[in-house]
Amino acid sequence: MYKERFVLDGKIAVVTGGARGIGKSIVEGFVECGATTVVVDKLDQVFDTVGHPFLCDLGIDSNIKYLIEYIASKFGRVDILVNCAGITLPMKHPYSDDSWEETININLTVPFKLIRGLCYYMPEGSSIINITSLNAEFGFPDNPAYLASKGGLKMMTKGFALDLAQRGIRVNNVGPGYTPTSTTEKSWNDEMLRNQRTARTMLGRWARPEEIACAVIFLASDASSYITGQDIYVDGGWEAKGL
């Protein structure tokens, strides 16, 4: 009764930003659990991943339509969508228009368009997981676009969870804590910053990519069939810590 609810056999999954970092770990976890997984990324590294590679820059609007048409024609449905692709463009004030627009597009508009387009191919029991951030809850310096995009994604998830519930589609957020990836390379390589971020956690360490992936696998599986509209922070206790 319980063990089989965690299995993803026979499910079709789409993971954006799946060529490296947390996205790659999510892809590897899905494949290991039995899901046929389409790996979407603009990096050539996508061809080095397990699953079905789909080289695509989602920042180009026409490519979103192309991806949706590809999924519809090749698989006819999608059971799991993970919006993991994201960018961060920090800079000192004044923040530029170009960086604002690019960040909002990739981190917020692209997930909106993918959910809007792919939900028509999602049967009852399907799951959408958006990858947010601690920045959806807390202010950090020199990156207003990233904060706005992740905060917006958090609330967009709740809206879609309500709108799609009548069709039996669940929508949730996973907010990673600090994890060594190319995105956090600067903080990880700076001993002072690394130690500061470590001290903010209860568990006293950074996350491993597979620990984020495990939370996503849970939300993608039938084990989470009564969970929707939620924020799950996999952050070693950062979000809950006071003194």
C-alpha atoms as a PDB file:
ATOM      1  CA  MET A   1       0.000   0.000   0.000  1.00  0.00           C
ATOM      2  CA  TYR A   2       2.747   2.434   0.905  1.00  0.00           C
ATOM      3  CA  LYS A   3       5.872   1.464  -1.016  1.00  0.00           C
ATOM      4  CA  GLU A   4       4.190   1.574  -4.420  1.00  0.00           C
ATOM      5  CA  ARG A   5       2.983   5.139  -3.839  1.00  0.00           C
ATOM      6  CA  PHE A   6       6.567   6.383  -4.147  1.00  0.00           C
ATOM      7  CA  VAL A   7       7.150   4.660  -7.498  1.00  0.00           C
ATOM      8  CA  LEU A   8       7.045   6.736 -10.699  1.00  0.00           C
ATOM      9  CA  ASP A   9       6.820   3.830 -13.150  1.00  0.00           C
ATOM     10  CA  GLY A  10       4.889   4.739 -16.290  1.00  0.00           C
ATOM     11  CA  LYS A  11       4.821   8.469 -15.578  1.00  0.00           C
ATOM     12  CA  ILE A  12       5.958  11.093 -18.091  1.00  0.00           C
ATOM     13  CA  ALA A  13       7.994  13.905 -16.527  1.00  0.00           C
ATOM     14  CA  VAL A  14       9.337  17.197 -17.863  1.00  0.00           C
ATOM     15  CA  VAL A  15      12.159  18.952 -16.008  1.00  0.00           C
ATOM     16  CA  THR A  16      13.419  22.359 -17.120  1.00  0.00           C
ATOM     17  CA  GLY A  17      16.954  23.353 -16.229  1.00  0.00           C
ATOM     18  CA  GLY A  18      17.754  19.663 -15.991  1.00  0.00           C
ATOM     19  CA  ALA A  19      21.306  19.618 -17.341  1.00  0.00           C
ATOM     20  CA  ARG A  20      23.158  20.533 -14.156  1.00  0.00           C
ATOM     21  CA  GLY A  21      22.910  21.223 -10.445  1.00  0.00           C
ATOM     22  CA  ILE A  22      19.646  20.559  -8.648  1.00  0.00           C
ATOM     23  CA  GLY A  23      17.794  20.008 -11.924  1.00  0.00           C
ATOM     24  CA  LYS A  24      20.162  17.230 -12.931  1.00  0.00           C
ATOM     25  CA  SER A  25      19.696  15.496  -9.580  1.00  0.00           C
ATOM     26  CA  ILE A  26      15.917  15.707 -10.015  1.00  0.00           C
ATOM     27  CA  VAL A  27      16.215  14.110 -13.459  1.00  0.00           C
ATOM     28  CA  GLU A  28      18.434  11.325 -12.134  1.00  0.00           C
ATOM     29  CA  GLY A  29      16.003  10.680  -9.293  1.00  0.00           C
ATOM     30  CA  PHE A  30      12.995  10.551 -11.603  1.00  0.00           C
ATOM     31  CA  VAL A  31      14.691   8.133 -13.979  1.00  0.00           C
ATOM     32  CA  GLU A  32      15.813   5.894 -11.112  1.00  0.00           C
ATOM     33  CA  CYS A  33      12.233   5.836  -9.807  1.00  0.00           C
ATOM     34  CA  GLY A  34      10.910   4.794 -13.214  1.00  0.00           C
ATOM     35  CA  ALA A  35       9.671   7.986 -14.881  1.00  0.00           C
ATOM     36  CA  THR A  36      10.246   8.687 -18.560  1.00  0.00           C
ATOM     37  CA  THR A  37      11.871  12.093 -18.238  1.00  0.00           C
ATOM     38  CA  VAL A  38      12.276  14.895 -20.772  1.00  0.00           C
ATOM     39  CA  VAL A  39      15.300  16.996 -19.839  1.00  0.00           C
ATOM     40  CA  VAL A  40      14.933  20.584 -21.052  1.00  0.00           C
ATOM     41  CA  ASP A  41      17.933  22.913 -21.028  1.00  0.00           C
ATOM     42  CA  LYS A  42      19.738  25.389 -23.251  1.00  0.00           C
ATOM     43  CA  LEU A  43      23.128  23.887 -22.329  1.00  0.00           C
ATOM     44  CA  ASP A  44      24.789  21.223 -24.453  1.00  0.00           C
ATOM     45  CA  GLN A  45      25.266  19.339 -21.172  1.00  0.00           C
ATOM     46  CA  VAL A  46      21.680  18.215 -21.632  1.00  0.00           C
ATOM     47  CA  PHE A  47      23.009  15.468 -23.912  1.00  0.00           C
ATOM     48  CA  ASP A  48      25.134  14.094 -21.062  1.00  0.00           C
ATOM     49  CA  THR A  49      22.116  13.475 -18.835  1.00  0.00           C
ATOM     50  CA  VAL A  50      19.909  10.441 -18.488  1.00  0.00           C
ATOM     51  CA  GLY A  51      16.412  10.752 -19.899  1.00  0.00           C
ATOM     52  CA  HIS A  52      15.270  12.345 -23.148  1.00  0.00           C
ATOM     53  CA  PRO A  53      17.325  15.468 -23.940  1.00  0.00           C
ATOM     54  CA  PHE A  54      15.572  18.507 -25.355  1.00  0.00           C
ATOM     55  CA  LEU A  55      17.973  21.330 -26.189  1.00  0.00           C
ATOM     56  CA  CYS A  56      15.978  24.524 -25.902  1.00  0.00           C
ATOM     57  CA  ASP A  57      16.347  28.136 -24.743  1.00  0.00           C
ATOM     58  CA  LEU A  58      13.065  28.813 -22.999  1.00  0.00           C
ATOM     59  CA  GLY A  59      13.869  32.505 -22.932  1.00  0.00           C
ATOM     60  CA  ILE A  60      12.756  32.545 -26.576  1.00  0.00           C
ATOM     61  CA  ASP A  61       8.969  32.565 -26.530  1.00  0.00           C
ATOM     62  CA  SER A  62       8.500  30.471 -29.668  1.00  0.00           C
ATOM     63  CA  ASN A  63      10.517  27.649 -28.077  1.00  0.00           C
ATOM     64  CA  ILE A  64       7.911  27.251 -25.340  1.00  0.00           C
ATOM     65  CA  LYS A  65       5.269  26.517 -27.957  1.00  0.00           C
ATOM     66  CA  TYR A  66       7.683  24.135 -29.690  1.00  0.00           C
ATOM     67  CA  LEU A  67       8.319  22.232 -26.436  1.00  0.00           C
ATOM     68  CA  ILE A  68       4.606  21.894 -25.698  1.00  0.00           C
ATOM     69  CA  GLU A  69       3.936  20.631 -29.227  1.00  0.00           C
ATOM     70  CA  TYR A  70       6.809  18.141 -28.900  1.00  0.00           C
ATOM     71  CA  ILE A  71       5.466  16.729 -25.620  1.00  0.00           C
ATOM     72  CA  ALA A  72       1.944  16.504 -27.032  1.00  0.00           C
ATOM     73  CA  SER A  73       2.993  14.728 -30.219  1.00  0.00           C
ATOM     74  CA  LYS A  74       5.591  12.360 -28.747  1.00  0.00           C
ATOM     75  CA  PHE A  75       3.969  11.356 -25.459  1.00  0.00           C
ATOM     76  CA  GLY A  76       0.386  12.619 -25.622  1.00  0.00           C
ATOM     77  CA  ARG A  77       0.427  13.564 -21.955  1.00  0.00           C
ATOM     78  CA  VAL A  78       2.632  14.714 -19.084  1.00  0.00           C
ATOM     79  CA  ASP A  79       2.203  13.549 -15.484  1.00  0.00           C
ATOM     80  CA  ILE A  80       4.916  15.626 -13.817  1.00  0.00           C
ATOM     81  CA  LEU A  81       6.217  19.106 -14.611  1.00  0.00           C
ATOM     82  CA  VAL A  82       9.151  20.570 -12.693  1.00  0.00           C
ATOM     83  CA  ASN A  83       9.990  24.214 -13.360  1.00  0.00           C
ATOM     84  CA  CYS A  84      13.603  24.263 -12.214  1.00  0.00           C
ATOM     85  CA  ALA A  85      15.226  26.508 -14.843  1.00  0.00           C
ATOM     86  CA  GLY A  86      16.198  29.837 -13.347  1.00  0.00           C
ATOM     87  CA  ILE A  87      18.743  32.627 -13.441  1.00  0.00           C
ATOM     88  CA  THR A  88      20.122  35.134 -10.971  1.00  0.00           C
ATOM     89  CA  LEU A  89      21.671  38.425 -12.088  1.00  0.00           C
ATOM     90  CA  PRO A  90      22.799  40.325  -8.991  1.00  0.00           C
ATOM     91  CA  MET A  91      24.149  43.854  -9.345  1.00  0.00           C
ATOM     92  CA  LYS A  92      24.598  46.953  -7.258  1.00  0.00           C
ATOM     93  CA  HIS A  93      21.973  49.704  -7.368  1.00  0.00           C
ATOM     94  CA  PRO A  94      20.724  50.934  -9.776  1.00  0.00           C
ATOM     95  CA  TYR A  95      19.450  47.613 -11.062  1.00  0.00           C
ATOM     96  CA  SER A  96      19.188  47.501 -14.854  1.00  0.00           C
ATOM     97  CA  ASP A  97      16.006  47.119 -16.897  1.00  0.00           C
ATOM     98  CA  ASP A  98      17.546  44.339 -18.970  1.00  0.00           C
ATOM     99  CA  SER A  99      18.476  42.238 -15.938  1.00  0.00           C
ATOM    100  CA  TRP A 100      15.040  42.781 -14.428  1.00  0.00           C
ATOM    101  CA  GLU A 101      13.198  41.740 -17.587  1.00  0.00           C
ATOM    102  CA  GLU A 102      15.400  38.704 -18.258  1.00  0.00           C
ATOM    103  CA  THR A 103      15.101  37.426 -14.691  1.00  0.00           C
ATOM    104  CA  ILE A 104      11.328  37.891 -14.507  1.00  0.00           C
ATOM    105  CA  ASN A 105      10.930  36.193 -17.880  1.00  0.00           C
ATOM    106  CA  ILE A 106      12.940  33.060 -17.101  1.00  0.00           C
ATOM    107  CA  ASN A 107      12.000  32.661 -13.438  1.00  0.00           C
ATOM    108  CA  LEU A 108       8.320  33.611 -13.552  1.00  0.00           C
ATOM    109  CA  THR A 109       6.876  34.061 -17.048  1.00  0.00           C
ATOM    110  CA  VAL A 110       8.296  30.829 -18.479  1.00  0.00           C
ATOM    111  CA  PRO A 111       6.833  28.653 -15.674  1.00  0.00           C
ATOM    112  CA  PHE A 112       3.492  30.437 -16.145  1.00  0.00           C
ATOM    113  CA  LYS A 113       3.440  29.678 -19.866  1.00  0.00           C
ATOM    114  CA  LEU A 114       4.524  26.063 -19.419  1.00  0.00           C
ATOM    115  CA  ILE A 115       1.884  25.397 -16.781  1.00  0.00           C
ATOM    116  CA  ARG A 116      -0.755  27.153 -18.865  1.00  0.00           C
ATOM    117  CA  GLY A 117       0.138  25.150 -21.964  1.00  0.00           C
ATOM    118  CA  LEU A 118       0.958  21.718 -20.552  1.00  0.00           C
ATOM    119  CA  CYS A 119      -1.888  21.456 -18.043  1.00  0.00           C
ATOM    120  CA  TYR A 120      -4.230  20.490 -20.894  1.00  0.00           C
ATOM    121  CA  TYR A 121      -2.159  17.332 -21.367  1.00  0.00           C
ATOM    122  CA  MET A 122      -2.038  16.462 -17.662  1.00  0.00           C
ATOM    123  CA  PRO A 123      -4.427  13.762 -16.430  1.00  0.00           C
ATOM    124  CA  GLU A 124      -6.009  13.658 -13.002  1.00  0.00           C
ATOM    125  CA  GLY A 125      -3.365  12.876 -10.388  1.00  0.00           C
ATOM    126  CA  SER A 126      -0.639  14.870 -12.141  1.00  0.00           C
ATOM    127  CA  SER A 127       1.810  17.023 -10.216  1.00  0.00           C
ATOM    128  CA  ILE A 128       3.502  20.351 -10.911  1.00  0.00           C
ATOM    129  CA  ILE A 129       6.482  21.382  -8.792  1.00  0.00           C
ATOM    130  CA  ASN A 130       7.996  24.842  -8.991  1.00  0.00           C
ATOM    131  CA  ILE A 131      11.472  25.426  -7.609  1.00  0.00           C
ATOM    132  CA  THR A 132      11.413  28.625  -5.591  1.00  0.00           C
ATOM    133  CA  SER A 133      14.024  29.812  -3.103  1.00  0.00           C
ATOM    134  CA  LEU A 134      14.599  31.184   0.368  1.00  0.00           C
ATOM    135  CA  ASN A 135      14.456  34.475  -1.533  1.00  0.00           C
ATOM    136  CA  ALA A 136      10.697  33.967  -1.790  1.00  0.00           C
ATOM    137  CA  GLU A 137      10.596  34.616   1.966  1.00  0.00           C
ATOM    138  CA  PHE A 138      13.598  36.763   2.877  1.00  0.00           C
ATOM    139  CA  GLY A 139      15.253  39.877   1.527  1.00  0.00           C
ATOM    140  CA  PHE A 140      18.772  39.604   0.158  1.00  0.00           C
ATOM    141  CA  PRO A 141      20.839  42.517  -1.186  1.00  0.00           C
ATOM    142  CA  ASP A 142      21.490  43.583  -4.783  1.00  0.00           C
ATOM    143  CA  ASN A 143      18.984  41.289  -6.507  1.00  0.00           C
ATOM    144  CA  PRO A 144      15.443  42.732  -6.536  1.00  0.00           C
ATOM    145  CA  ALA A 145      14.485  40.852  -9.716  1.00  0.00           C
ATOM    146  CA  TYR A 146      15.356  37.469  -8.233  1.00  0.00           C
ATOM    147  CA  LEU A 147      13.388  38.176  -5.063  1.00  0.00           C
ATOM    148  CA  ALA A 148      10.412  39.436  -7.043  1.00  0.00           C
ATOM    149  CA  SER A 149      10.467  36.465  -9.417  1.00  0.00           C
ATOM    150  CA  LYS A 150      10.690  33.837  -6.685  1.00  0.00           C
ATOM    151  CA  GLY A 151       8.114  35.568  -4.509  1.00  0.00           C
ATOM    152  CA  GLY A 152       5.836  35.811  -7.522  1.00  0.00           C
ATOM    153  CA  LEU A 153       6.404  32.147  -8.366  1.00  0.00           C
ATOM    154  CA  LYS A 154       5.469  31.178  -4.818  1.00  0.00           C
ATOM    155  CA  MET A 155       2.124  32.961  -5.081  1.00  0.00           C
ATOM    156  CA  MET A 156       1.495  31.903  -8.676  1.00  0.00           C
ATOM    157  CA  THR A 157       1.783  28.307  -7.487  1.00  0.00           C
ATOM    158  CA  LYS A 158      -1.003  28.862  -4.977  1.00  0.00           C
ATOM    159  CA  GLY A 159      -3.198  30.391  -7.662  1.00  0.00           C
ATOM    160  CA  PHE A 160      -2.668  27.506 -10.070  1.00  0.00           C
ATOM    161  CA  ALA A 161      -3.179  25.002  -7.236  1.00  0.00           C
ATOM    162  CA  LEU A 162      -6.652  26.437  -6.718  1.00  0.00           C
ATOM    163  CA  ASP A 163      -7.472  26.729 -10.410  1.00  0.00           C
ATOM    164  CA  LEU A 164      -6.309  23.218 -11.308  1.00  0.00           C
ATOM    165  CA  ALA A 165      -7.588  21.389  -8.237  1.00  0.00           C
ATOM    166  CA  GLN A 166     -10.944  20.743  -9.913  1.00  0.00           C
ATOM    167  CA  ARG A 167      -9.053  18.747 -12.531  1.00  0.00           C
ATOM    168  CA  GLY A 168      -7.108  16.763  -9.938  1.00  0.00           C
ATOM    169  CA  ILE A 169      -3.771  18.429 -10.704  1.00  0.00           C
ATOM    170  CA  ARG A 170      -1.604  19.344  -7.724  1.00  0.00           C
ATOM    171  CA  VAL A 171       0.793  22.309  -7.696  1.00  0.00           C
ATOM    172  CA  ASN A 172       3.466  22.841  -5.026  1.00  0.00           C
ATOM    173  CA  ASN A 173       6.722  24.655  -4.370  1.00  0.00           C
ATOM    174  CA  VAL A 174      10.077  23.333  -3.238  1.00  0.00           C
ATOM    175  CA  GLY A 175      12.410  26.002  -1.868  1.00  0.00           C
ATOM    176  CA  PRO A 176      16.020  24.827  -1.723  1.00  0.00           C
ATOM    177  CA  GLY A 177      18.420  26.018   0.919  1.00  0.00           C
ATOM    178  CA  TYR A 178      21.986  26.826  -0.035  1.00  0.00           C
ATOM    179  CA  THR A 179      23.321  24.003  -2.189  1.00  0.00           C
ATOM    180  CA  PRO A 180      26.739  23.846  -3.915  1.00  0.00           C
ATOM    181  CA  THR A 181      25.928  24.415  -7.598  1.00  0.00           C
ATOM    182  CA  SER A 182      27.172  26.714 -10.343  1.00  0.00           C
ATOM    183  CA  THR A 183      24.606  29.298  -9.193  1.00  0.00           C
ATOM    184  CA  THR A 184      26.019  29.449  -5.649  1.00  0.00           C
ATOM    185  CA  GLU A 185      29.650  28.940  -6.646  1.00  0.00           C
ATOM    186  CA  LYS A 186      30.723  32.414  -5.511  1.00  0.00           C
ATOM    187  CA  SER A 187      29.293  31.974  -2.016  1.00  0.00           C
ATOM    188  CA  TRP A 188      30.616  28.431  -1.686  1.00  0.00           C
ATOM    189  CA  ASN A 189      34.159  29.377  -2.712  1.00  0.00           C
ATOM    190  CA  ASP A 190      34.240  32.371  -0.339  1.00  0.00           C
ATOM    191  CA  GLU A 191      35.006  30.850   3.077  1.00  0.00           C
ATOM    192  CA  MET A 192      33.445  33.744   4.991  1.00  0.00           C
ATOM    193  CA  LEU A 193      30.217  33.642   2.987  1.00  0.00           C
ATOM    194  CA  ARG A 194      30.085  29.860   3.108  1.00  0.00           C
ATOM    195  CA  ASN A 195      30.429  29.871   6.892  1.00  0.00           C
ATOM    196  CA  GLN A 196      27.847  32.646   7.292  1.00  0.00           C
ATOM    197  CA  ARG A 197      25.296  30.696   5.298  1.00  0.00           C
ATOM    198  CA  THR A 198      26.119  27.484   7.124  1.00  0.00           C
ATOM    199  CA  ALA A 199      25.550  29.210  10.476  1.00  0.00           C
ATOM    200  CA  ARG A 200      22.032  30.267   9.406  1.00  0.00           C
ATOM    201  CA  THR A 201      20.924  26.628   9.241  1.00  0.00           C
ATOM    202  CA  MET A 202      19.908  24.389  12.128  1.00  0.00           C
ATOM    203  CA  LEU A 203      21.727  21.386  10.696  1.00  0.00           C
ATOM    204  CA  GLY A 204      25.030  23.236  10.294  1.00  0.00           C
ATOM    205  CA  ARG A 205      25.709  22.420   6.645  1.00  0.00           C
ATOM    206  CA  TRP A 206      24.681  23.123   3.062  1.00  0.00           C
ATOM    207  CA  ALA A 207      22.307  20.830   1.216  1.00  0.00           C
ATOM    208  CA  ARG A 208      23.292  18.141  -1.220  1.00  0.00           C
ATOM    209  CA  PRO A 209      21.492  18.316  -4.592  1.00  0.00           C
ATOM    210  CA  GLU A 210      19.978  14.876  -4.114  1.00  0.00           C
ATOM    211  CA  GLU A 211      18.338  16.047  -0.875  1.00  0.00           C
ATOM    212  CA  ILE A 212      16.406  18.660  -2.823  1.00  0.00           C
ATOM    213  CA  ALA A 213      15.563  16.055  -5.459  1.00  0.00           C
ATOM    214  CA  CYS A 214      14.087  13.706  -2.856  1.00  0.00           C
ATOM    215  CA  ALA A 215      11.528  16.324  -1.820  1.00  0.00           C
ATOM    216  CA  VAL A 216      10.603  16.834  -5.476  1.00  0.00           C
ATOM    217  CA  ILE A 217      10.250  13.082  -6.014  1.00  0.00           C
ATOM    218  CA  PHE A 218       7.894  12.913  -3.026  1.00  0.00           C
ATOM    219  CA  LEU A 219       5.700  15.694  -4.434  1.00  0.00           C
ATOM    220  CA  ALA A 220       5.763  14.078  -7.883  1.00  0.00           C
ATOM    221  CA  SER A 221       4.622  10.735  -6.501  1.00  0.00           C
ATOM    222  CA  ASP A 222       1.247   9.474  -5.326  1.00  0.00           C
ATOM    223  CA  ALA A 223       2.632   9.538  -1.771  1.00  0.00           C
ATOM    224  CA  SER A 224       1.773  13.263  -1.726  1.00  0.00           C
ATOM    225  CA  SER A 225      -1.689  12.888  -3.268  1.00  0.00           C
ATOM    226  CA  TYR A 226      -3.354  15.158  -0.664  1.00  0.00           C
ATOM    227  CA  ILE A 227      -0.758  17.943  -0.776  1.00  0.00           C
ATOM    228  CA  THR A 228      -1.264  20.987  -2.962  1.00  0.00           C
ATOM    229  CA  GLY A 229      -0.606  24.716  -2.794  1.00  0.00           C
ATOM    230  CA  GLN A 230       2.230  24.218  -0.316  1.00  0.00           C
ATOM    231  CA  ASP A 231       5.759  25.540   0.189  1.00  0.00           C
ATOM    232  CA  ILE A 232       8.281  22.928   1.287  1.00  0.00           C
ATOM    233  CA  TYR A 233      11.641  24.404   2.241  1.00  0.00           C
ATOM    234  CA  VAL A 234      14.515  21.950   2.092  1.00  0.00           C
ATOM    235  CA  ASP A 235      16.899  24.295   3.844  1.00  0.00           C
ATOM    236  CA  GLY A 236      18.360  22.610   6.897  1.00  0.00           C
ATOM    237  CA  GLY A 237      16.081  24.687   9.097  1.00  0.00           C
ATOM    238  CA  TRP A 238      17.050  28.128   7.769  1.00  0.00           C
ATOM    239  CA  GLU A 239      13.496  29.389   7.277  1.00  0.00           C
ATOM    240  CA  ALA A 240      12.377  28.223  10.742  1.00  0.00           C
ATOM    241  CA  LYS A 241      15.407  29.377  12.719  1.00  0.00           C
ATOM    242  CA  GLY A 242      15.170  32.359  15.034  1.00  0.00           C
ATOM    243  CA  LEU A 243      18.061  32.957  17.432  1.00  0.00           C
END
